[in-house]
Protein backbone atom coordinates (compact mmCIF):
# COMPACT_ATOMS: atom_id res chain seq x y z
CA MET A 1 -6.93 13.95 10.32
CA ASP A 2 -6.11 13.10 13.60
CA MET A 3 -7.34 9.23 14.87
CA SER A 4 -8.03 10.40 18.26
CA GLU A 5 -11.05 11.68 17.85
CA LYS A 6 -13.42 8.25 18.58
CA GLY A 7 -15.71 6.74 16.28
CA ASN A 8 -19.23 4.42 17.10
CA GLY A 9 -16.96 1.64 18.81
CA GLU A 10 -17.67 -0.62 16.02
CA SER A 11 -15.36 -3.53 15.60
CA ASP A 12 -16.53 -5.22 12.92
CA LEU A 13 -13.76 -5.17 10.62
CA SER A 14 -14.85 -8.07 8.57
CA HIS A 15 -16.00 -5.89 5.75
CA VAL A 16 -12.80 -3.78 5.63
CA TYR A 17 -9.31 -4.51 4.00
CA LEU A 18 -6.13 -4.34 6.04
CA THR A 19 -2.55 -4.50 5.34
CA SER A 20 -1.09 -7.55 5.92
CA ILE A 21 0.90 -6.37 9.05
CA LEU A 22 -2.49 -4.94 10.32
CA HIS A 23 -4.32 -7.74 9.39
CA GLY A 24 -1.14 -10.03 11.53
CA LYS A 25 -1.36 -7.19 14.31
CA LEU A 26 -5.15 -7.50 15.18
CA ASP A 27 -5.08 -11.63 15.17
CA GLU A 28 -2.09 -11.06 17.46
CA ILE A 29 -4.12 -8.65 19.81
CA ALA A 30 -7.14 -11.14 19.75
CA ALA A 31 -4.71 -13.58 21.58
CA TRP A 32 -3.86 -11.61 24.15
CA LYS A 33 -4.80 -13.01 27.96
CA GLU A 34 -6.62 -9.86 28.69
CA LYS A 35 -9.38 -9.84 26.50
CA LYS A 36 -11.07 -6.12 27.61
CA GLN A 37 -7.28 -4.90 27.43
CA SER A 38 -7.49 -6.55 23.87
CA GLN A 39 -11.26 -5.66 22.76
CA ASP A 40 -10.60 -1.75 23.91
CA LEU A 41 -7.34 -1.73 21.80
CA ILE A 42 -9.10 -3.31 18.58
CA ASP A 43 -12.22 -0.89 19.28
CA SER A 44 -10.29 1.65 19.15
CA ILE A 45 -8.28 0.79 15.82
CA SER A 46 -12.04 0.25 14.68
CA ASP A 47 -13.11 3.68 15.50
CA GLY A 48 -9.77 5.09 13.73
CA LEU A 49 -10.25 3.07 10.94
CA ILE A 50 -13.96 4.17 10.03
CA PHE A 51 -12.53 8.07 11.13
CA TYR A 52 -9.96 7.88 8.70
CA ILE A 53 -12.59 6.28 6.07
CA LYS A 54 -15.08 9.23 6.53
CA GLN A 55 -12.33 11.98 6.39
CA LEU A 56 -10.69 10.81 3.42
CA ARG A 57 -14.37 10.09 1.38
CA LYS A 58 -14.30 13.99 1.98
CA PHE A 59 -12.00 14.52 -0.60
CA LYS A 60 -12.47 14.28 -4.45
CA SER A 61 -10.92 10.96 -5.28
CA GLY A 62 -7.75 11.01 -7.86
CA PRO A 63 -4.22 12.32 -7.04
CA LYS A 64 -4.36 14.79 -5.09
CA ARG A 65 -6.31 12.41 -2.53
CA ALA A 66 -3.32 10.05 -3.27
CA LYS A 67 -0.88 12.64 -2.09
CA GLU A 68 -3.13 14.16 0.79
CA VAL A 69 -2.83 10.31 2.23
CA HIS A 70 0.83 10.20 1.67
CA ARG A 71 1.43 13.05 3.48
CA VAL A 72 -0.67 12.86 6.61
CA ILE A 73 1.27 9.19 6.57
CA ASP A 74 4.50 10.71 6.48
CA SER A 75 3.42 12.92 9.08
CA LEU A 76 2.07 10.03 10.96
CA MET A 77 5.52 8.28 10.70
CA ASP A 78 7.85 10.89 11.56
CA ARG A 79 5.94 11.53 14.93
CA GLU A 80 5.76 8.05 15.92
CA LEU A 81 9.49 7.28 14.99
CA LYS A 82 10.64 10.62 16.92
CA ASN A 83 9.04 9.07 20.36
CA LYS A 84 10.84 5.79 19.42
CA PRO A 85 14.46 7.03 18.75
CA GLU A 86 15.95 3.49 19.88
CA LEU A 87 13.77 1.73 16.78
CA ALA A 88 14.10 4.81 14.45
CA LYS A 89 18.06 3.87 14.76
CA GLN A 90 17.44 0.10 13.80
CA ILE A 91 15.69 0.97 10.63
CA GLN A 92 17.72 -0.95 7.73
CA CYS A 93 16.41 0.94 4.84
CA LYS A 94 18.66 3.61 2.63
CA LYS A 95 18.76 4.92 -0.99
CA GLY A 96 20.07 2.32 -3.36
CA CYS A 97 18.70 -0.61 -1.18
CA SER A 98 15.59 -1.96 -3.81
CA PHE A 99 14.89 -5.64 -2.06
CA CYS A 100 11.06 -4.44 -1.64
CA CYS A 101 10.90 -2.95 -4.55
CA HIS A 102 10.91 -6.82 -6.30
CA GLN A 103 7.88 -7.49 -4.06
CA ILE A 104 4.03 -7.16 -5.36
CA GLN A 105 3.45 -4.33 -3.94
CA ILE A 106 -0.87 -3.07 -3.30
CA VAL A 107 -1.93 0.64 -4.14
CA SER A 108 -5.02 2.44 -3.95
CA GLN A 109 -7.19 3.56 -6.89
CA ASP A 110 -6.14 7.13 -6.36
CA GLU A 111 -2.64 6.33 -6.40
CA ALA A 112 -2.89 4.03 -9.47
CA MET A 113 -4.25 7.24 -10.90
CA LEU A 114 -1.42 9.65 -9.42
CA LEU A 115 1.10 6.70 -10.92
CA ALA A 116 -0.32 6.51 -14.43
CA LYS A 117 -0.03 10.55 -14.70
CA ARG A 118 3.65 10.11 -13.60
CA ALA A 119 4.29 7.26 -15.62
CA GLU A 120 3.29 9.25 -19.09
CA ASN A 121 6.35 11.00 -18.56
CA LEU A 122 8.89 8.50 -17.74
CA ASN A 123 10.04 5.35 -20.06
CA ILE A 124 8.73 2.61 -17.90
CA ASP A 125 8.95 -0.68 -19.02
CA LEU A 126 5.62 -1.23 -20.55
CA ASP A 127 6.15 -5.04 -21.74
CA LEU A 128 7.53 -6.15 -18.26
CA LEU A 129 4.30 -4.27 -16.64
CA GLU A 130 2.51 -6.08 -19.11
CA GLN A 131 3.90 -9.36 -18.14
CA GLN A 132 3.71 -8.07 -14.24
CA SER A 133 -0.14 -7.06 -14.51
CA ASN A 134 -0.84 -11.38 -15.14
CA PHE A 135 0.06 -11.83 -11.05
CA GLY A 136 -2.04 -8.51 -9.81
CA ASN A 137 -5.87 -8.99 -10.38
CA ASP A 138 -8.87 -7.44 -9.30
CA VAL A 139 -10.25 -6.58 -6.12
CA SER A 140 -11.72 -9.55 -5.08
CA ASP A 141 -8.07 -11.25 -4.76
CA VAL A 142 -7.00 -8.34 -3.00
CA ARG A 143 -9.18 -8.79 -0.88
CA THR A 144 -8.61 -12.73 0.23
CA ASP A 145 -4.84 -12.04 0.33
CA LYS A 146 -4.63 -14.41 -1.66
CA ILE A 147 -2.05 -13.32 -4.26
CA ASN A 148 -0.43 -14.64 -7.17
CA GLU A 149 2.24 -14.41 -4.96
CA THR A 150 3.72 -18.24 -5.05
CA GLU A 151 4.25 -17.81 -9.10
CA TRP A 152 5.69 -14.35 -8.58
CA PHE A 153 8.65 -15.28 -6.15
CA LYS A 154 9.00 -18.29 -8.87
CA GLN A 155 9.92 -15.87 -11.84
CA PRO A 156 13.12 -14.23 -12.13
CA PHE A 157 14.86 -11.59 -10.01
CA GLU A 158 15.25 -8.77 -12.52
CA LYS A 159 11.40 -10.06 -13.78
CA SER A 160 9.95 -8.95 -10.46
CA LYS A 161 11.60 -4.93 -9.97
CA CYS A 162 8.78 -2.31 -10.06
CA VAL A 163 8.68 -1.08 -13.65
CA PHE A 164 9.63 2.79 -11.80
CA LEU A 165 12.96 0.74 -10.30
CA ASN A 166 15.81 2.78 -12.70
CA GLU A 167 19.34 1.42 -13.46
CA LYS A 168 20.88 3.08 -10.24
CA LYS A 169 18.29 0.96 -8.12
CA GLU A 170 16.48 4.40 -7.50
CA CYS A 171 12.56 4.98 -7.24
CA MET A 172 11.54 7.45 -9.84
CA VAL A 173 8.80 8.16 -8.00
CA TYR A 174 9.72 8.36 -5.02
CA GLU A 175 7.90 11.51 -3.75
CA ASP A 176 4.31 9.69 -5.11
CA ARG A 177 5.34 6.30 -3.91
CA PRO A 178 2.64 4.36 -3.02
CA THR A 179 1.66 3.54 0.79
CA SER A 180 2.66 0.42 1.13
CA CYS A 181 6.48 1.10 0.25
CA ARG A 182 6.19 4.37 2.28
CA VAL A 183 4.78 2.53 5.52
CA TYR A 184 7.29 -0.57 4.42
CA ASN A 185 10.45 -0.35 6.71
CA VAL A 186 12.57 -3.07 8.38
CA ILE A 187 14.86 -3.94 11.22
CA SER A 188 16.13 -7.45 9.68
CA PRO A 189 18.83 -7.51 6.61
CA PRO A 190 17.35 -5.68 3.73
CA LYS A 191 18.49 -8.58 1.34
CA GLU A 192 15.59 -10.77 2.93
CA CYS A 193 13.22 -8.82 1.79
CA SER A 194 14.17 -10.09 -1.81
CA PRO A 195 11.42 -12.46 -3.48
CA GLU A 196 14.28 -14.62 -3.58
CA LYS A 197 14.40 -14.78 -0.06
CA SER A 198 10.47 -15.94 0.67
CA GLY A 199 9.76 -17.52 3.97
CA ILE A 200 12.54 -15.67 5.79
CA TYR A 201 11.38 -14.05 8.42
CA VAL A 202 11.57 -10.01 8.09
CA ALA A 203 11.46 -7.68 11.22
CA GLN A 204 9.09 -5.25 10.03
CA VAL A 205 8.45 -1.56 11.97
CA PHE A 206 4.83 -1.73 13.22
CA LEU A 207 3.51 1.81 13.43
CA LEU A 208 -0.14 1.89 14.60
CA ASN A 209 -1.47 5.39 12.71
CA ALA A 210 -0.14 4.85 10.23
CA GLN A 211 -1.39 1.17 9.55
CA VAL A 212 -4.60 2.38 10.42
CA LEU A 213 -4.51 5.49 8.01
CA ALA A 214 -2.68 2.95 5.04
CA SER A 215 -5.65 0.62 5.70
CA ALA A 216 -8.68 3.10 5.34
CA SER A 217 -7.24 4.19 2.00
CA LEU A 218 -7.74 0.99 0.55
CA ASN A 219 -11.07 1.40 1.28
CA LEU A 220 -12.45 4.45 -0.51
CA GLN A 221 -14.97 2.33 -2.99
CA LYS A 222 -17.62 5.33 -4.22
CA ASP A 223 -20.40 3.42 -3.11
CA PRO A 224 -19.97 3.27 0.92
CA SER A 225 -22.64 0.17 0.90
CA LYS A 226 -20.27 -1.80 -1.43
CA THR A 227 -17.59 -4.33 0.47
CA GLY A 228 -14.54 -5.05 -1.10
CA ALA A 229 -11.35 -2.64 -1.73
CA ALA A 230 -10.63 0.35 -3.56
CA ALA A 231 -7.48 -1.13 -4.15
CA GLY A 232 -5.22 -3.72 -6.35
CA TYR A 233 -2.06 -4.89 -7.15
CA LEU A 234 0.41 -2.21 -8.92
CA PRO A 235 0.90 -3.64 -12.15
CA HIS A 236 -2.58 -4.41 -12.37
CA MET A 237 -4.40 -1.15 -11.45
CA LEU A 238 -0.97 1.04 -13.89
CA THR A 239 -2.06 -0.79 -16.81
CA LYS A 240 -5.68 -0.44 -16.10
CA PHE A 241 -5.30 3.19 -15.45
CA LEU A 242 -3.01 3.64 -18.49
CA LYS A 243 -4.72 1.78 -20.93
CA LYS A 244 -8.07 4.42 -19.73
CA LYS A 245 -5.79 6.67 -20.62
CA LYS A 246 -4.72 5.73 -23.99
CA ARG A 247 -8.61 5.61 -24.75
CA GLN A 248 -8.65 9.01 -23.96
CA LYS A 249 -6.18 10.27 -25.67
CA ILE A 250 -7.55 7.78 -28.99
CA ASP A 251 -10.52 9.35 -28.97
CA LYS A 252 -9.49 13.04 -28.69
CA GLY A 253 -7.41 12.22 -31.58
CA GLU A 254 -3.99 12.59 -29.71
CA ASN A 255 -0.68 10.77 -30.85
CA VAL A 256 -0.35 7.80 -28.46
CA ARG A 257 2.73 5.48 -27.80
């Protein structure tokens, strides 16, 4: 998959869910004084989104498609950072830094299925997950970009941690971590990513191709004629698919915890 292949020049992105950082960048681009340059870049981004969505819909939905998105995302980021060595040196993210793991993350349906599969073999805190699922709701809430983040940030720090974060502050599913985690890199002090620092400016690294693919992966609903992102907030989506797996096991007469 390569964003260099052009689409149809359709730049109406109102029906497409975008990552928050790409949405902000598009607003910034739209405000440029050089209108032709601005529109050309927006058209190019739109073409990339359309191309990626079409390519990803060729894959069967589920964990394997999520893994393919992750593979390409990692490749795009490596390529872009190799071309920006000075930027790469400024990235503050490292193993054991887990402030961002207390933020509420968006995952695609494919990623939720992958994480549910991984969770079956891990001792995650199901009670905490159930509590957190009350903050992340359905696709319509995601599309408005109005999350219950205000309430999320009010809860105790420990209550906001990702259920896949272990005692050593390491991700238990790092190789299968969501796209929203993969593309989140900062050059500002890591502690400023903490929900406790809500309102403080965080200097995120913006890598265009990776953000375009990340956005495309949130728009893979089975019926292309329907609007809305095929995504949701991690606690809600994970709970949804774990319950589905539990029902399937019960129907098969298998033991469930």
